[in-house]
């Protein structure tokens, strides 16, 4: 049976690119070099890029993999509501956060249902996804270190899979210079809008250790370099993506239909919700919006949103 991956992706509104499995190791070696030569903050790399020194976390099949494919699936931002004594709080969840744990598996099931030859022959690659997608021509980097896929912008969920079945390589788009988005050369919108100075003018590489996202995904106190007015999402950040002209008309925001009760909201804001009578309801709602994995930061982040005055309509 012919494996027409391009047609499969086109029929679903996805984008896809395929290359040899060697790309995985090449990309990960490049990232390791950038860490070792000081381009990447070592503390940040230690916290977020532990796979660089753990070979078993890079490519799960190793030498058995013959091909690698990257798939971009449109992903909307979502709204979730919190009942509050001073009026409802509506918080935004950026694209890619919801249901992250099962996205790879669902995509593999989709592929296997159409192409039985791929059943049991695919494994997720969880390290260096963005760089692999760029190397394969699926996406290009913006100066904000977010990848953009032609026709979909940055509002996509990237899945990278290695395959034990050899697949015909193809690029989704012509190669960009250095994998960088040309539009960034004459635009400084995101640099001007970033409230923490994470997007510098001295290099085409985000200072990720200064990004709000790198802080609000992990528990701990807010560092002094994040101004209170910068908080804008329940987790992650949308400032540089919303202002980007390459995303014009591409952001889709959906309502989750989930609302935390006043009691649950109070418990979250009080900071000790896991031992409260509202704990069961909070866990259920976090699971419903795909944020169970962020249960240790949601209360802190919600408090920061309330303090910032950000109440998205």
Protein backbone atom coordinates (compact mmCIF):
# COMPACT_ATOMS: atom_id res chain seq x y z
CA UNK A 1 0.00 0.00 0.00
CA UNK A 2 1.33 3.42 -0.96
CA UNK A 3 1.90 5.67 2.03
CA UNK A 4 0.73 9.06 0.79
CA UNK A 5 1.49 11.13 3.87
CA UNK A 6 1.19 14.44 2.04
CA UNK A 7 -2.35 13.63 0.89
CA UNK A 8 -3.27 12.32 4.35
CA UNK A 9 -2.14 15.57 5.98
CA UNK A 10 -3.71 17.79 3.33
CA UNK A 11 -7.10 16.13 3.78
CA UNK A 12 -7.05 16.94 7.50
CA UNK A 13 -5.75 20.48 7.32
CA UNK A 14 -2.39 19.38 8.75
CA UNK A 15 1.11 20.01 7.43
CA UNK A 16 3.78 17.30 7.28
CA UNK A 17 7.42 16.79 6.31
CA UNK A 18 9.57 13.65 6.23
CA UNK A 19 13.31 13.05 6.33
CA UNK A 20 15.92 10.44 7.23
CA UNK A 21 16.18 9.41 10.89
CA UNK A 22 19.73 10.81 11.06
CA UNK A 23 18.17 14.27 11.32
CA UNK A 24 17.19 13.52 14.93
CA UNK A 25 20.74 13.00 16.12
CA UNK A 26 22.07 15.89 14.04
CA UNK A 27 19.59 18.33 15.52
CA UNK A 28 20.16 17.18 19.07
CA UNK A 29 23.94 17.43 18.59
CA UNK A 30 23.54 21.02 17.35
CA UNK A 31 21.48 21.96 20.41
CA UNK A 32 24.06 20.31 22.67
CA UNK A 33 26.81 22.36 21.01
CA UNK A 34 24.86 25.59 21.51
CA UNK A 35 24.49 24.69 25.17
CA UNK A 36 28.18 23.87 25.55
CA UNK A 37 29.44 27.03 23.84
CA UNK A 38 27.31 29.27 26.08
CA UNK A 39 24.63 30.35 23.61
CA UNK A 40 22.04 28.70 25.84
CA UNK A 41 21.89 29.63 29.50
CA UNK A 42 23.30 26.64 31.40
CA UNK A 43 20.86 26.93 34.28
CA UNK A 44 17.95 27.01 31.85
CA UNK A 45 19.37 24.07 29.89
CA UNK A 46 19.81 22.07 33.08
CA UNK A 47 16.20 22.66 34.08
CA UNK A 48 14.55 22.20 30.68
CA UNK A 49 16.93 20.33 28.40
CA UNK A 50 17.98 17.42 30.58
CA UNK A 51 17.59 15.07 27.60
CA UNK A 52 20.79 16.51 26.11
CA UNK A 53 22.79 14.30 28.45
CA UNK A 54 20.36 11.37 28.57
CA UNK A 55 20.70 9.41 25.31
CA UNK A 56 17.71 7.21 26.11
CA UNK A 57 15.44 10.25 26.02
CA UNK A 58 16.44 11.41 22.57
CA UNK A 59 15.49 8.76 20.02
CA UNK A 60 13.56 5.82 21.43
CA UNK A 61 14.37 3.39 18.61
CA UNK A 62 17.96 4.49 18.03
CA UNK A 63 19.51 2.75 15.03
CA UNK A 64 16.24 0.92 14.20
CA UNK A 65 14.61 4.17 13.08
CA UNK A 66 14.78 4.79 9.35
CA UNK A 67 12.73 7.96 8.94
CA UNK A 68 11.45 10.89 10.93
CA UNK A 69 8.24 12.80 10.26
CA UNK A 70 7.05 16.08 11.70
CA UNK A 71 3.36 16.99 11.72
CA UNK A 72 1.82 20.38 12.49
CA UNK A 73 -1.80 20.22 13.65
CA UNK A 74 -3.82 23.46 14.06
CA UNK A 75 -4.34 24.16 17.74
CA UNK A 76 -6.68 26.80 19.18
CA UNK A 77 -6.21 28.83 22.32
CA UNK A 78 -8.90 28.22 24.94
CA UNK A 79 -10.78 30.16 27.59
CA UNK A 80 -11.60 28.89 31.05
CA UNK A 81 -13.67 30.73 33.64
CA UNK A 82 -13.29 31.12 37.38
CA UNK A 83 -16.25 32.31 39.43
CA UNK A 84 -15.07 35.03 41.80
CA UNK A 85 -16.66 37.32 44.35
CA UNK A 86 -15.48 40.37 42.38
CA UNK A 87 -16.77 39.08 39.05
CA UNK A 88 -15.86 36.19 36.78
CA UNK A 89 -12.22 35.76 35.80
CA UNK A 90 -11.63 34.47 32.29
CA UNK A 91 -8.16 33.10 31.65
CA UNK A 92 -6.54 32.04 28.38
CA UNK A 93 -4.74 28.76 27.81
CA UNK A 94 -2.38 29.12 24.81
CA UNK A 95 -2.37 26.59 21.97
CA UNK A 96 -0.48 23.30 22.59
CA UNK A 97 -1.13 23.02 26.32
CA UNK A 98 -4.44 21.18 26.34
CA UNK A 99 -4.38 17.36 26.30
CA UNK A 100 -0.68 17.34 25.60
CA UNK A 101 -0.14 13.90 27.08
CA UNK A 102 -2.23 12.01 24.53
CA UNK A 103 -1.68 14.07 21.39
CA UNK A 104 1.18 11.97 20.01
CA UNK A 105 -0.67 8.74 20.60
CA UNK A 106 -3.83 10.03 18.91
CA UNK A 107 -1.84 11.12 15.88
CA UNK A 108 -0.12 7.73 15.66
CA UNK A 109 -3.53 6.07 15.81
CA UNK A 110 -4.75 8.33 12.98
CA UNK A 111 -1.77 7.36 10.84
CA UNK A 112 -2.10 3.65 11.59
CA UNK A 113 -5.82 3.69 10.77
CA UNK A 114 -5.03 5.02 7.30
CA UNK A 115 -1.73 3.21 6.74
CA UNK A 116 -1.73 -0.21 8.48
CA UNK A 117 1.94 -0.69 7.57
CA UNK A 118 2.79 1.99 10.15
CA UNK A 119 0.96 0.34 13.04
CA UNK A 120 3.45 -0.33 15.82
CA UNK A 121 6.27 1.18 13.75
CA UNK A 122 6.08 4.76 15.06
CA UNK A 123 7.45 6.24 18.26
CA UNK A 124 7.33 9.85 19.53
CA UNK A 125 10.49 11.93 19.55
CA UNK A 126 10.08 14.29 22.49
CA UNK A 127 13.43 16.08 22.36
CA UNK A 128 14.26 18.89 19.94
CA UNK A 129 10.90 18.85 18.18
CA UNK A 130 10.94 22.44 16.95
CA UNK A 131 14.47 22.17 15.59
CA UNK A 132 13.64 18.89 13.84
CA UNK A 133 10.54 20.44 12.25
CA UNK A 134 12.66 23.34 11.01
CA UNK A 135 15.37 21.04 9.66
CA UNK A 136 12.72 19.08 7.73
CA UNK A 137 11.28 22.25 6.20
CA UNK A 138 7.95 22.01 7.99
CA UNK A 139 8.44 25.23 9.96
CA UNK A 140 10.70 28.23 10.38
CA UNK A 141 11.88 29.95 13.53
CA UNK A 142 10.68 33.38 14.53
CA UNK A 143 13.01 35.58 16.56
CA UNK A 144 10.83 34.69 19.57
CA UNK A 145 12.07 31.06 19.29
CA UNK A 146 8.56 29.94 18.34
CA UNK A 147 8.16 28.01 15.10
CA UNK A 148 5.80 29.12 12.35
CA UNK A 149 4.22 26.76 9.84
CA UNK A 150 3.11 28.25 6.49
CA UNK A 151 -0.65 28.78 6.47
CA UNK A 152 -1.03 27.96 10.17
CA UNK A 153 1.30 30.43 11.86
CA UNK A 154 2.55 29.54 15.32
CA UNK A 155 -0.78 28.18 16.54
CA UNK A 156 0.02 24.51 15.99
CA UNK A 157 0.84 21.42 17.97
CA UNK A 158 4.03 19.83 16.69
CA UNK A 159 4.36 16.07 16.77
CA UNK A 160 7.63 14.44 15.70
CA UNK A 161 7.68 10.68 15.14
CA UNK A 162 10.42 8.29 14.19
CA UNK A 163 9.50 5.40 11.93
CA UNK A 164 10.94 1.90 11.53
CA UNK A 165 9.40 1.95 8.06
CA UNK A 166 11.47 3.87 5.52
CA UNK A 167 9.40 6.75 4.13
CA UNK A 168 10.04 8.89 1.08
CA UNK A 169 11.53 12.22 2.18
CA UNK A 170 9.83 15.46 1.23
CA UNK A 171 9.84 19.03 2.46
CA UNK A 172 6.71 20.98 3.21
CA UNK A 173 8.25 24.25 2.02
CA UNK A 174 11.47 25.56 0.43
CA UNK A 175 14.35 25.85 2.85
CA UNK A 176 14.52 29.16 4.71
CA UNK A 177 17.85 30.85 5.32
CA UNK A 178 19.18 29.22 8.45
CA UNK A 179 15.65 28.11 9.28
CA UNK A 180 14.79 31.67 10.26
CA UNK A 181 11.69 33.59 9.23
CA UNK A 182 12.65 36.34 6.80
CA UNK A 183 9.90 38.64 8.07
CA UNK A 184 11.69 38.96 11.41
CA UNK A 185 14.60 40.80 9.80
CA UNK A 186 12.55 43.95 9.23
CA UNK A 187 10.13 43.69 12.16
CA UNK A 188 10.57 44.34 15.85
CA UNK A 189 7.00 44.07 17.10
CA UNK A 190 7.53 41.10 19.39
CA UNK A 191 10.83 42.49 20.65
CA UNK A 192 9.15 45.75 21.60
CA UNK A 193 6.18 44.00 23.18
CA UNK A 194 8.06 41.44 25.29
CA UNK A 195 7.74 42.66 28.89
CA UNK A 196 10.85 40.89 30.15
CA UNK A 197 13.40 41.63 27.43
CA UNK A 198 13.66 37.96 26.44
CA UNK A 199 13.80 38.85 22.73
CA UNK A 200 17.05 40.73 22.19
CA UNK A 201 18.36 42.62 19.19
CA UNK A 202 21.84 41.10 19.42
CA UNK A 203 20.98 37.62 18.12
CA UNK A 204 18.29 35.54 16.44
CA UNK A 205 17.78 33.39 19.53
CA UNK A 206 15.41 33.93 22.41
CA UNK A 207 16.93 34.29 25.87
CA UNK A 208 14.62 31.56 27.09
CA UNK A 209 15.71 31.96 30.68
CA UNK A 210 14.08 35.43 30.59
CA UNK A 211 10.79 34.24 29.10
CA UNK A 212 7.65 34.28 31.27
CA UNK A 213 6.82 30.79 30.05
CA UNK A 214 10.02 29.32 31.49
CA UNK A 215 8.91 30.56 34.92
CA UNK A 216 5.16 30.07 35.03
CA UNK A 217 5.34 26.42 34.01
CA UNK A 218 7.35 25.57 37.13
CA UNK A 219 6.59 26.18 40.83
CA UNK A 220 8.44 28.79 42.83
CA UNK A 221 8.41 32.53 43.55
CA UNK A 222 8.16 35.09 40.77
CA UNK A 223 11.58 36.54 39.92
CA UNK A 224 11.86 40.34 40.21
CA UNK A 225 12.41 40.79 36.47
CA UNK A 226 8.80 39.83 35.68
CA UNK A 227 6.59 42.92 36.08
CA UNK A 228 3.14 42.23 37.51
CA UNK A 229 1.48 43.58 34.38
CA UNK A 230 3.20 40.93 32.22
CA UNK A 231 1.00 38.01 33.30
CA UNK A 232 -1.56 37.26 30.60
CA UNK A 233 -2.26 33.51 30.49
CA UNK A 234 -3.10 30.76 32.93
CA UNK A 235 0.15 29.10 31.86
CA UNK A 236 2.60 30.13 29.16
CA UNK A 237 2.42 33.51 27.40
CA UNK A 238 0.72 34.84 24.28
CA UNK A 239 2.15 38.36 23.97
CA UNK A 240 4.68 37.77 21.19
CA UNK A 241 2.35 35.51 19.21
CA UNK A 242 -0.65 37.82 19.35
CA UNK A 243 1.30 40.82 18.09
CA UNK A 244 3.12 38.93 15.33
CA UNK A 245 1.99 40.00 11.84
CA UNK A 246 2.66 36.47 10.56
CA UNK A 247 -0.18 35.29 12.79
CA UNK A 248 -2.73 37.81 11.49
CA UNK A 249 -6.14 36.14 11.27
CA UNK A 250 -4.84 32.73 12.36
CA UNK A 251 -5.59 32.69 16.09
CA UNK A 252 -8.66 30.68 16.98
CA UNK A 253 -9.90 31.03 20.57
CA UNK A 254 -12.46 28.54 21.83
CA UNK A 255 -14.39 28.34 25.06
CA UNK A 256 -13.73 25.20 27.08
CA UNK A 257 -17.13 25.40 28.75
CA UNK A 258 -15.36 24.77 32.07
CA UNK A 259 -15.95 27.09 35.01
CA UNK A 260 -14.41 26.72 38.45
CA UNK A 261 -16.83 27.44 41.29
CA UNK A 262 -16.31 30.30 43.75
CA UNK A 263 -15.21 27.80 46.39
CA UNK A 264 -12.68 26.26 43.99
CA UNK A 265 -11.39 29.65 42.90
CA UNK A 266 -10.92 30.75 46.51
CA UNK A 267 -9.06 27.54 47.31
CA UNK A 268 -6.74 28.03 44.34
CA UNK A 269 -6.01 31.63 45.28
CA UNK A 270 -5.42 30.68 48.92
CA UNK A 271 -2.59 28.41 47.77
CA UNK A 272 -3.44 25.25 49.71
CA UNK A 273 -6.19 23.83 47.55
CA UNK A 274 -4.90 20.24 47.51
CA UNK A 275 -5.92 19.78 51.15
CA UNK A 276 -9.19 21.70 50.82
CA UNK A 277 -12.72 20.38 50.43
CA UNK A 278 -12.62 21.77 46.89
CA UNK A 279 -9.67 19.57 45.87
CA UNK A 280 -11.70 16.88 44.10
CA UNK A 281 -13.58 19.39 41.97
CA UNK A 282 -10.39 21.29 41.11
CA UNK A 283 -8.61 18.13 40.00
CA UNK A 284 -11.56 17.15 37.82
CA UNK A 285 -11.68 20.56 36.13
CA UNK A 286 -7.92 20.70 35.59
CA UNK A 287 -8.14 17.29 33.93
CA UNK A 288 -11.05 18.50 31.79
CA UNK A 289 -8.97 21.36 30.40
CA UNK A 290 -5.84 19.24 29.97
CA UNK A 291 -3.81 20.99 32.67
CA UNK A 292 -3.55 18.27 35.30
CA UNK A 293 0.21 18.32 34.84
CA UNK A 294 0.33 21.96 35.91
CA UNK A 295 -1.65 21.56 39.13
CA UNK A 296 1.23 22.88 41.23
CA UNK A 297 1.34 26.26 39.47
CA UNK A 298 -2.28 27.04 38.56
CA UNK A 299 -3.16 28.71 41.88
CA UNK A 300 -0.05 30.91 41.83
CA UNK A 301 -0.56 31.82 38.16
CA UNK A 302 -4.24 32.60 38.68
CA UNK A 303 -3.33 34.90 41.55
CA UNK A 304 -0.87 36.73 39.30
CA UNK A 305 -3.57 37.18 36.65
CA UNK A 306 -5.97 38.60 39.22
CA UNK A 307 -3.31 40.99 40.50
CA UNK A 308 -2.47 42.11 36.97
CA UNK A 309 -6.10 43.05 36.30
CA UNK A 310 -6.17 40.85 33.17
CA UNK A 311 -9.75 39.64 32.80
CA UNK A 312 -10.13 38.45 29.27
CA UNK A 313 -13.72 38.88 27.96
